[in-house]
Amino acid sequence: MRFVSLFDGIFWGLFFIVVGVWFLVRRYVPVQIPIIRVILAVLFVWIGIRILIAGPEIRDRNTVVFSEATLEAQAGSSRDEYNVIFSSATIDLSQLAPTGGSIRKTVNVVFGSGTLRINPNVPVRIELATAFGSVATPDGKSMVFGDKEYRTPAYKDGEDAVIIKASAVFGSLRIQE
């Protein structure tokens, strides 16, 4: 799958050529062209054409956009960040265990809903943040704005743990043990 990118070489090459020619022409030709409006219009047309031709595809296998999915983390996984955008997803981090040091992961839910699965027998500390969203923890507490920390019963200060930074912005995140 290809990524719909604003950093496409052909687009930016043509963009800079047009802007350069425009700077040369405006110095010698008394024509007033609303260049900002034209650039924005061309940008939107280009994005629309790219989406129609290639589809709204994402490079990241740990990002869910406009769909439903289950993302699983395996021990030794190099994926550090999981994103749910305009979607619904389950992020399963229950297989992670801190062997040889703490493991750090990030979970973001933006305009969507997510379920974060953790293992209660593994030391896990979740740093929760939400803005105009909702977060529900296994202990029955929930929040809609602000910061909070949740720890599994196996967590002990100073010892290796799975440390998760989780945020929900205009979305909901539910933590399951």
C-alpha atoms as a PDB file:
ATOM      1  CA  MET A   1       0.000   0.000   0.000  1.00  0.00           C
ATOM      2  CA  ARG A   2       1.168   3.488  -0.780  1.00  0.00           C
ATOM      3  CA  PHE A   3       0.885   6.498   1.460  1.00  0.00           C
ATOM      4  CA  VAL A   4      -1.054   9.578   0.386  1.00  0.00           C
ATOM      5  CA  SER A   5       1.694  12.083   1.074  1.00  0.00           C
ATOM      6  CA  LEU A   6       2.042  15.807   0.777  1.00  0.00           C
ATOM      7  CA  PHE A   7       5.745  15.153   0.321  1.00  0.00           C
ATOM      8  CA  ASP A   8       5.352  13.534  -3.069  1.00  0.00           C
ATOM      9  CA  GLY A   9       8.335  14.507  -5.231  1.00  0.00           C
ATOM     10  CA  ILE A  10       6.356  15.291  -8.370  1.00  0.00           C
ATOM     11  CA  PHE A  11       3.891  17.540  -6.563  1.00  0.00           C
ATOM     12  CA  TRP A  12       6.528  19.529  -4.663  1.00  0.00           C
ATOM     13  CA  GLY A  13       8.735  19.821  -7.730  1.00  0.00           C
ATOM     14  CA  LEU A  14       5.887  21.306  -9.755  1.00  0.00           C
ATOM     15  CA  PHE A  15       4.830  23.457  -6.810  1.00  0.00           C
ATOM     16  CA  PHE A  16       8.250  25.123  -6.481  1.00  0.00           C
ATOM     17  CA  ILE A  17       8.580  25.600 -10.239  1.00  0.00           C
ATOM     18  CA  VAL A  18       5.185  27.347 -10.365  1.00  0.00           C
ATOM     19  CA  VAL A  19       5.968  29.535  -7.352  1.00  0.00           C
ATOM     20  CA  GLY A  20       9.390  30.449  -8.803  1.00  0.00           C
ATOM     21  CA  VAL A  21       7.898  31.333 -12.184  1.00  0.00           C
ATOM     22  CA  TRP A  22       5.195  33.348 -10.451  1.00  0.00           C
ATOM     23  CA  PHE A  23       7.798  35.379  -8.538  1.00  0.00           C
ATOM     24  CA  LEU A  24       9.620  36.118 -11.817  1.00  0.00           C
ATOM     25  CA  VAL A  25       6.443  36.977 -13.737  1.00  0.00           C
ATOM     26  CA  ARG A  26       4.926  39.216 -11.071  1.00  0.00           C
ATOM     27  CA  ARG A  27       8.059  41.411 -11.137  1.00  0.00           C
ATOM     28  CA  TYR A  28       7.773  42.141 -14.852  1.00  0.00           C
ATOM     29  CA  VAL A  29       4.089  41.633 -15.692  1.00  0.00           C
ATOM     30  CA  PRO A  30       1.516  43.823 -13.941  1.00  0.00           C
ATOM     31  CA  VAL A  31      -0.994  41.017 -13.373  1.00  0.00           C
ATOM     32  CA  GLN A  32      -2.517  40.455  -9.953  1.00  0.00           C
ATOM     33  CA  ILE A  33      -3.049  36.745  -9.268  1.00  0.00           C
ATOM     34  CA  PRO A  34      -4.355  35.630  -5.858  1.00  0.00           C
ATOM     35  CA  ILE A  35      -1.478  33.156  -5.486  1.00  0.00           C
ATOM     36  CA  ILE A  36      -2.368  31.907  -1.995  1.00  0.00           C
ATOM     37  CA  ARG A  37      -5.888  30.987  -3.113  1.00  0.00           C
ATOM     38  CA  VAL A  38      -4.569  29.320  -6.242  1.00  0.00           C
ATOM     39  CA  ILE A  39      -1.992  27.319  -4.274  1.00  0.00           C
ATOM     40  CA  LEU A  40      -4.605  26.180  -1.742  1.00  0.00           C
ATOM     41  CA  ALA A  41      -7.008  25.220  -4.523  1.00  0.00           C
ATOM     42  CA  VAL A  42      -4.337  23.243  -6.384  1.00  0.00           C
ATOM     43  CA  LEU A  43      -3.302  21.555  -3.130  1.00  0.00           C
ATOM     44  CA  PHE A  44      -6.864  20.438  -2.381  1.00  0.00           C
ATOM     45  CA  VAL A  45      -7.396  19.230  -5.949  1.00  0.00           C
ATOM     46  CA  TRP A  46      -4.125  17.291  -5.830  1.00  0.00           C
ATOM     47  CA  ILE A  47      -5.035  15.645  -2.488  1.00  0.00           C
ATOM     48  CA  GLY A  48      -8.471  14.722  -3.855  1.00  0.00           C
ATOM     49  CA  ILE A  49      -6.998  13.168  -6.994  1.00  0.00           C
ATOM     50  CA  ARG A  50      -4.432  11.207  -4.961  1.00  0.00           C
ATOM     51  CA  ILE A  51      -7.143   9.852  -2.659  1.00  0.00           C
ATOM     52  CA  LEU A  52      -9.316   8.852  -5.613  1.00  0.00           C
ATOM     53  CA  ILE A  53      -6.445   7.119  -7.387  1.00  0.00           C
ATOM     54  CA  ALA A  54      -4.533   5.547  -4.488  1.00  0.00           C
ATOM     55  CA  GLY A  55      -7.064   5.606  -1.641  1.00  0.00           C
ATOM     56  CA  PRO A  56      -6.476   6.947   1.877  1.00  0.00           C
ATOM     57  CA  GLU A  57      -3.740   4.510   2.831  1.00  0.00           C
ATOM     58  CA  ILE A  58      -1.462   4.700   5.811  1.00  0.00           C
ATOM     59  CA  ARG A  59       2.128   3.431   5.976  1.00  0.00           C
ATOM     60  CA  ASP A  60       2.017   2.626   9.645  1.00  0.00           C
ATOM     61  CA  ARG A  61       0.648  -0.813  10.440  1.00  0.00           C
ATOM     62  CA  ASN A  62      -0.069   0.313  13.990  1.00  0.00           C
ATOM     63  CA  THR A  63      -2.334   3.182  12.982  1.00  0.00           C
ATOM     64  CA  VAL A  64      -6.026   2.619  12.299  1.00  0.00           C
ATOM     65  CA  VAL A  65      -7.845   5.248  10.231  1.00  0.00           C
ATOM     66  CA  PHE A  66     -11.487   5.020   9.060  1.00  0.00           C
ATOM     67  CA  SER A  67     -11.830   1.319   9.899  1.00  0.00           C
ATOM     68  CA  GLU A  68     -11.943  -1.292  12.666  1.00  0.00           C
ATOM     69  CA  ALA A  69      -8.954  -3.357  13.697  1.00  0.00           C
ATOM     70  CA  THR A  70      -7.197  -5.268  16.430  1.00  0.00           C
ATOM     71  CA  LEU A  71      -3.573  -4.371  17.035  1.00  0.00           C
ATOM     72  CA  GLU A  72      -1.497  -6.831  19.028  1.00  0.00           C
ATOM     73  CA  ALA A  73       1.904  -6.242  20.576  1.00  0.00           C
ATOM     74  CA  GLN A  74       4.209  -9.192  20.885  1.00  0.00           C
ATOM     75  CA  ALA A  75       7.182  -9.474  23.212  1.00  0.00           C
ATOM     76  CA  GLY A  76      10.160  -7.791  21.562  1.00  0.00           C
ATOM     77  CA  SER A  77       7.904  -5.761  19.250  1.00  0.00           C
ATOM     78  CA  SER A  78       9.474  -2.572  17.918  1.00  0.00           C
ATOM     79  CA  ARG A  79       6.131  -0.789  17.661  1.00  0.00           C
ATOM     80  CA  ASP A  80       6.091   1.901  20.299  1.00  0.00           C
ATOM     81  CA  GLU A  81       3.019   3.879  19.276  1.00  0.00           C
ATOM     82  CA  TYR A  82      -0.551   2.800  18.494  1.00  0.00           C
ATOM     83  CA  ASN A  83      -2.998   5.298  16.991  1.00  0.00           C
ATOM     84  CA  VAL A  84      -6.754   5.099  16.478  1.00  0.00           C
ATOM     85  CA  ILE A  85      -8.069   7.980  14.345  1.00  0.00           C
ATOM     86  CA  PHE A  86     -11.721   8.252  13.263  1.00  0.00           C
ATOM     87  CA  SER A  87     -11.944   4.510  13.965  1.00  0.00           C
ATOM     88  CA  SER A  88     -12.613   1.746  16.430  1.00  0.00           C
ATOM     89  CA  ALA A  89      -9.812  -0.547  17.537  1.00  0.00           C
ATOM     90  CA  THR A  90      -8.646  -2.939  20.201  1.00  0.00           C
ATOM     91  CA  ILE A  91      -5.014  -2.603  21.218  1.00  0.00           C
ATOM     92  CA  ASP A  92      -3.857  -5.789  22.914  1.00  0.00           C
ATOM     93  CA  LEU A  93      -0.767  -5.234  25.064  1.00  0.00           C
ATOM     94  CA  SER A  94      -1.529  -8.174  27.355  1.00  0.00           C
ATOM     95  CA  GLN A  95       1.375 -10.255  25.996  1.00  0.00           C
ATOM     96  CA  LEU A  96       3.996  -7.692  27.033  1.00  0.00           C
ATOM     97  CA  ALA A  97       6.147  -8.353  30.077  1.00  0.00           C
ATOM     98  CA  PRO A  98       9.122  -6.303  31.282  1.00  0.00           C
ATOM     99  CA  THR A  99      12.115  -8.608  30.916  1.00  0.00           C
ATOM    100  CA  GLY A 100      15.452  -6.847  31.170  1.00  0.00           C
ATOM    101  CA  GLY A 101      14.040  -3.338  31.552  1.00  0.00           C
ATOM    102  CA  SER A 102      10.882  -1.329  31.352  1.00  0.00           C
ATOM    103  CA  ILE A 103       8.851  -1.280  28.151  1.00  0.00           C
ATOM    104  CA  ARG A 104       7.358   2.008  26.981  1.00  0.00           C
ATOM    105  CA  LYS A 105       4.350   2.252  24.675  1.00  0.00           C
ATOM    106  CA  THR A 106       2.028   5.064  23.572  1.00  0.00           C
ATOM    107  CA  VAL A 107      -1.670   4.727  22.734  1.00  0.00           C
ATOM    108  CA  ASN A 108      -3.605   7.620  21.144  1.00  0.00           C
ATOM    109  CA  VAL A 109      -7.316   7.716  20.376  1.00  0.00           C
ATOM    110  CA  VAL A 110      -8.482  10.724  18.356  1.00  0.00           C
ATOM    111  CA  PHE A 111     -12.131  11.033  17.256  1.00  0.00           C
ATOM    112  CA  GLY A 112     -12.621   7.305  17.749  1.00  0.00           C
ATOM    113  CA  SER A 113     -13.017   4.561  20.312  1.00  0.00           C
ATOM    114  CA  GLY A 114     -10.413   2.195  21.591  1.00  0.00           C
ATOM    115  CA  THR A 115     -10.074  -0.694  24.000  1.00  0.00           C
ATOM    116  CA  LEU A 116      -6.698  -1.240  25.619  1.00  0.00           C
ATOM    117  CA  ARG A 117      -6.122  -4.764  26.916  1.00  0.00           C
ATOM    118  CA  ILE A 118      -3.507  -5.334  29.605  1.00  0.00           C
ATOM    119  CA  ASN A 119      -2.534  -8.257  31.796  1.00  0.00           C
ATOM    120  CA  PRO A 120      -3.309  -7.608  35.509  1.00  0.00           C
ATOM    121  CA  ASN A 121      -0.535 -10.048  36.533  1.00  0.00           C
ATOM    122  CA  VAL A 122       2.129  -7.918  34.816  1.00  0.00           C
ATOM    123  CA  PRO A 123       3.377  -4.681  36.394  1.00  0.00           C
ATOM    124  CA  VAL A 124       1.745  -1.977  34.265  1.00  0.00           C
ATOM    125  CA  ARG A 125       1.533   1.761  34.849  1.00  0.00           C
ATOM    126  CA  ILE A 126      -0.716   3.755  32.517  1.00  0.00           C
ATOM    127  CA  GLU A 127      -0.380   7.526  32.369  1.00  0.00           C
ATOM    128  CA  LEU A 128      -3.791   8.655  31.139  1.00  0.00           C
ATOM    129  CA  ALA A 129      -4.662  11.998  29.572  1.00  0.00           C
ATOM    130  CA  THR A 130      -7.906  13.103  28.007  1.00  0.00           C
ATOM    131  CA  ALA A 131      -9.289  16.255  26.477  1.00  0.00           C
ATOM    132  CA  PHE A 132     -12.957  16.312  25.528  1.00  0.00           C
ATOM    133  CA  GLY A 133     -12.956  12.516  25.572  1.00  0.00           C
ATOM    134  CA  SER A 134     -13.484   9.719  28.050  1.00  0.00           C
ATOM    135  CA  VAL A 135     -11.235   7.149  29.664  1.00  0.00           C
ATOM    136  CA  ALA A 136     -12.553   4.243  31.744  1.00  0.00           C
ATOM    137  CA  THR A 137     -10.241   2.136  33.930  1.00  0.00           C
ATOM    138  CA  PRO A 138     -10.798  -1.404  35.266  1.00  0.00           C
ATOM    139  CA  ASP A 139     -11.283  -0.083  38.812  1.00  0.00           C
ATOM    140  CA  GLY A 140     -14.553   1.536  37.690  1.00  0.00           C
ATOM    141  CA  LYS A 141     -13.238   5.093  37.540  1.00  0.00           C
ATOM    142  CA  SER A 142     -13.561   7.303  34.515  1.00  0.00           C
ATOM    143  CA  MET A 143     -12.565  10.776  33.461  1.00  0.00           C
ATOM    144  CA  VAL A 144     -13.466  13.164  30.675  1.00  0.00           C
ATOM    145  CA  PHE A 145     -10.812  15.838  31.076  1.00  0.00           C
ATOM    146  CA  GLY A 146      -7.367  15.898  32.671  1.00  0.00           C
ATOM    147  CA  ASP A 147      -4.636  13.478  33.711  1.00  0.00           C
ATOM    148  CA  LYS A 148      -4.670  10.353  35.835  1.00  0.00           C
ATOM    149  CA  GLU A 149      -2.526   7.320  36.524  1.00  0.00           C
ATOM    150  CA  TYR A 150      -3.658   3.708  36.674  1.00  0.00           C
ATOM    151  CA  ARG A 151      -1.542   0.841  38.036  1.00  0.00           C
ATOM    152  CA  THR A 152      -2.160  -2.887  37.953  1.00  0.00           C
ATOM    153  CA  PRO A 153      -2.003  -4.774  41.274  1.00  0.00           C
ATOM    154  CA  ALA A 154       1.368  -6.252  40.229  1.00  0.00           C
ATOM    155  CA  TYR A 155       2.998  -2.817  39.810  1.00  0.00           C
ATOM    156  CA  LYS A 156       5.631  -1.787  42.360  1.00  0.00           C
ATOM    157  CA  ASP A 157       7.499   1.547  42.333  1.00  0.00           C
ATOM    158  CA  GLY A 158      11.088   1.322  41.150  1.00  0.00           C
ATOM    159  CA  GLU A 159      10.773  -2.062  39.457  1.00  0.00           C
ATOM    160  CA  ASP A 160      10.670  -2.797  35.733  1.00  0.00           C
ATOM    161  CA  ALA A 161       7.202  -2.366  34.261  1.00  0.00           C
ATOM    162  CA  VAL A 162       5.218  -1.818  31.118  1.00  0.00           C
ATOM    163  CA  ILE A 163       4.704   1.955  31.019  1.00  0.00           C
ATOM    164  CA  ILE A 164       1.935   3.159  28.735  1.00  0.00           C
ATOM    165  CA  LYS A 165       1.113   6.765  27.873  1.00  0.00           C
ATOM    166  CA  ALA A 166      -2.512   6.733  26.776  1.00  0.00           C
ATOM    167  CA  SER A 167      -4.531   9.691  25.557  1.00  0.00           C
ATOM    168  CA  ALA A 168      -8.043  10.224  24.271  1.00  0.00           C
ATOM    169  CA  VAL A 169      -8.878  13.411  22.404  1.00  0.00           C
ATOM    170  CA  PHE A 170     -12.523  13.743  21.339  1.00  0.00           C
ATOM    171  CA  GLY A 171     -12.684   9.959  21.669  1.00  0.00           C
ATOM    172  CA  SER A 172     -13.107   7.188  24.206  1.00  0.00           C
ATOM    173  CA  LEU A 173     -10.629   4.718  25.614  1.00  0.00           C
ATOM    174  CA  ARG A 174     -11.531   1.773  27.807  1.00  0.00           C
ATOM    175  CA  ILE A 175      -8.908  -0.219  29.692  1.00  0.00           C
ATOM    176  CA  GLN A 176      -9.568  -3.942  30.154  1.00  0.00           C
ATOM    177  CA  GLU A 177      -7.693  -6.411  32.281  1.00  0.00           C
END
